[in-house]
Amino acid sequence: MYNAGKIITGLVIFVVIFTLPLWWQVGKAAPPAPKPELPKTAKVCVEDTAYMRTSHMQLLNDWRNAVVRDQDRVYVGKDGKKYSMSLTNDCMACHNDKKKFCDQCHNYLAVAPYCWDCHLTPEQVKESK
């Protein structure tokens, strides 16, 4: 126990140096969340913004299943209004710039949805004509 002061001091210095990268990055770990751009001529969405931010992929999967398996092409929103179940014709009518709207959040969250394996973006539709 003759060197207890030196040992405790050494351990404190070691812990401080070892955890410095953690303390250095507090509050800086994640970049700010993106703010997707909505077009000026946006019409009313099929559901409210909070629901679409958290559950749009589930909604699109449900639409796909209803259209392909049940031939049901009409979605009735919570407001009672009817919408066409179409990613390309309904959703992309307002959210027409994939890079400014879809890609910002998907890249931020590091997800790669498979929607675009089959569907065309409005830019691709214009190029194909």
Protein backbone atom coordinates (compact mmCIF):
# COMPACT_ATOMS: atom_id res chain seq x y z
CA MET A 1 0.00 0.00 0.00
CA TYR A 2 3.01 2.29 -0.22
CA ASN A 3 2.16 3.35 -3.81
CA ALA A 4 -1.66 3.59 -3.46
CA GLY A 5 -1.71 7.27 -4.44
CA LYS A 6 0.30 6.62 -7.59
CA ILE A 7 -1.84 3.60 -8.54
CA ILE A 8 -5.13 5.46 -8.04
CA THR A 9 -3.82 8.49 -9.97
CA GLY A 10 -2.66 6.20 -12.79
CA LEU A 11 -6.06 4.44 -12.92
CA VAL A 12 -7.92 7.78 -13.04
CA ILE A 13 -5.67 9.02 -15.86
CA PHE A 14 -6.16 5.72 -17.72
CA VAL A 15 -9.97 5.89 -17.40
CA VAL A 16 -10.03 9.53 -18.53
CA ILE A 17 -7.84 8.83 -21.58
CA PHE A 18 -9.71 5.61 -22.40
CA THR A 19 -13.16 7.28 -22.29
CA LEU A 20 -12.10 10.60 -23.88
CA PRO A 21 -13.48 9.71 -27.34
CA LEU A 22 -16.88 9.04 -25.79
CA TRP A 23 -16.94 12.34 -23.94
CA TRP A 24 -15.58 14.23 -26.93
CA GLN A 25 -18.52 13.13 -29.14
CA VAL A 26 -21.38 13.70 -26.68
CA GLY A 27 -24.16 15.39 -28.62
CA LYS A 28 -22.34 15.13 -31.95
CA ALA A 29 -22.91 11.46 -32.80
CA ALA A 30 -25.78 11.87 -35.25
CA PRO A 31 -26.20 14.57 -37.87
CA PRO A 32 -29.43 16.54 -37.72
CA ALA A 33 -32.48 14.80 -39.18
CA PRO A 34 -33.28 15.81 -42.75
CA LYS A 35 -36.21 18.03 -43.60
CA PRO A 36 -37.69 16.67 -46.83
CA GLU A 37 -38.99 19.26 -49.27
CA LEU A 38 -42.67 19.21 -50.14
CA PRO A 39 -43.73 20.76 -53.42
CA LYS A 40 -45.63 24.03 -53.26
CA THR A 41 -48.63 22.43 -55.00
CA ALA A 42 -48.93 19.53 -52.53
CA LYS A 43 -52.43 18.24 -52.02
CA VAL A 44 -53.69 16.54 -48.88
CA CYS A 45 -51.86 13.30 -48.06
CA VAL A 46 -53.73 10.04 -47.46
CA GLU A 47 -52.86 10.14 -43.75
CA ASP A 48 -51.47 12.69 -41.31
CA THR A 49 -47.76 13.57 -41.30
CA ALA A 50 -46.90 11.80 -38.04
CA TYR A 51 -48.44 8.53 -39.27
CA MET A 52 -46.72 8.76 -42.65
CA ARG A 53 -43.30 9.38 -41.06
CA THR A 54 -43.53 6.25 -38.94
CA SER A 55 -45.71 3.88 -40.95
CA HIS A 56 -45.58 4.74 -44.63
CA MET A 57 -43.77 1.52 -45.54
CA GLN A 58 -46.40 -0.59 -43.78
CA LEU A 59 -49.11 1.38 -45.58
CA LEU A 60 -47.41 0.78 -48.94
CA ASN A 61 -47.02 -2.94 -48.18
CA ASP A 62 -50.72 -3.13 -47.27
CA TRP A 63 -51.59 -1.32 -50.50
CA ARG A 64 -49.45 -3.71 -52.53
CA ASN A 65 -51.14 -6.73 -50.96
CA ALA A 66 -54.63 -5.28 -51.44
CA VAL A 67 -54.01 -4.39 -55.10
CA VAL A 68 -52.14 -7.52 -56.16
CA ARG A 69 -53.94 -10.15 -54.11
CA ASP A 70 -57.44 -8.73 -53.65
CA GLN A 71 -57.73 -6.42 -56.71
CA ASP A 72 -58.78 -3.63 -54.33
CA ARG A 73 -57.48 -0.36 -55.76
CA VAL A 74 -59.28 2.18 -53.54
CA TYR A 75 -58.01 3.30 -50.13
CA VAL A 76 -60.33 5.10 -47.73
CA GLY A 77 -58.36 7.42 -45.44
CA LYS A 78 -59.21 8.31 -41.85
CA ASP A 79 -60.95 11.41 -43.18
CA GLY A 80 -63.29 9.21 -45.27
CA LYS A 81 -61.83 10.41 -48.56
CA LYS A 82 -61.03 7.83 -51.25
CA TYR A 83 -57.57 7.55 -52.79
CA SER A 84 -56.08 5.42 -55.53
CA MET A 85 -53.65 2.83 -54.15
CA SER A 86 -50.74 3.71 -56.41
CA LEU A 87 -47.21 4.69 -55.44
CA THR A 88 -46.43 6.06 -58.88
CA ASN A 89 -49.73 7.78 -59.68
CA ASP A 90 -50.87 8.92 -56.24
CA CYS A 91 -47.90 9.36 -53.89
CA MET A 92 -45.39 10.46 -56.51
CA ALA A 93 -47.87 13.02 -57.87
CA CYS A 94 -46.96 15.25 -54.90
CA HIS A 95 -43.66 13.75 -53.77
CA ASN A 96 -42.28 13.84 -57.28
CA ASP A 97 -38.63 14.57 -56.52
CA LYS A 98 -37.27 11.30 -55.13
CA LYS A 99 -33.85 12.81 -54.33
CA LYS A 100 -35.25 15.73 -52.33
CA PHE A 101 -38.00 13.78 -50.58
CA CYS A 102 -37.52 10.00 -50.32
CA ASP A 103 -33.74 9.66 -50.56
CA GLN A 104 -32.98 12.21 -47.84
CA CYS A 105 -34.63 10.20 -45.06
CA HIS A 106 -33.77 6.78 -46.47
CA ASN A 107 -30.07 7.69 -46.72
CA TYR A 108 -30.10 9.23 -43.23
CA LEU A 109 -31.55 6.01 -41.80
CA ALA A 110 -29.42 3.77 -44.05
CA VAL A 111 -32.36 1.87 -45.48
CA ALA A 112 -32.77 0.70 -49.06
CA PRO A 113 -36.44 0.10 -49.81
CA TYR A 114 -37.18 -2.18 -52.73
CA CYS A 115 -39.98 0.03 -54.11
CA TRP A 116 -37.78 1.24 -56.95
CA ASP A 117 -37.00 -2.29 -58.12
CA CYS A 118 -40.40 -2.23 -59.88
CA HIS A 119 -41.70 1.34 -59.77
CA LEU A 120 -40.40 4.23 -61.83
CA THR A 121 -39.79 7.70 -60.49
CA PRO A 122 -41.42 10.61 -62.35
CA GLU A 123 -38.03 11.46 -63.91
CA GLN A 124 -37.69 7.92 -65.26
CA VAL A 125 -41.24 8.05 -66.66
CA LYS A 126 -40.41 11.28 -68.52
CA GLU A 127 -37.17 9.77 -69.89
CA SER A 128 -38.97 6.66 -71.15
CA LYS A 129 -41.48 8.67 -73.23
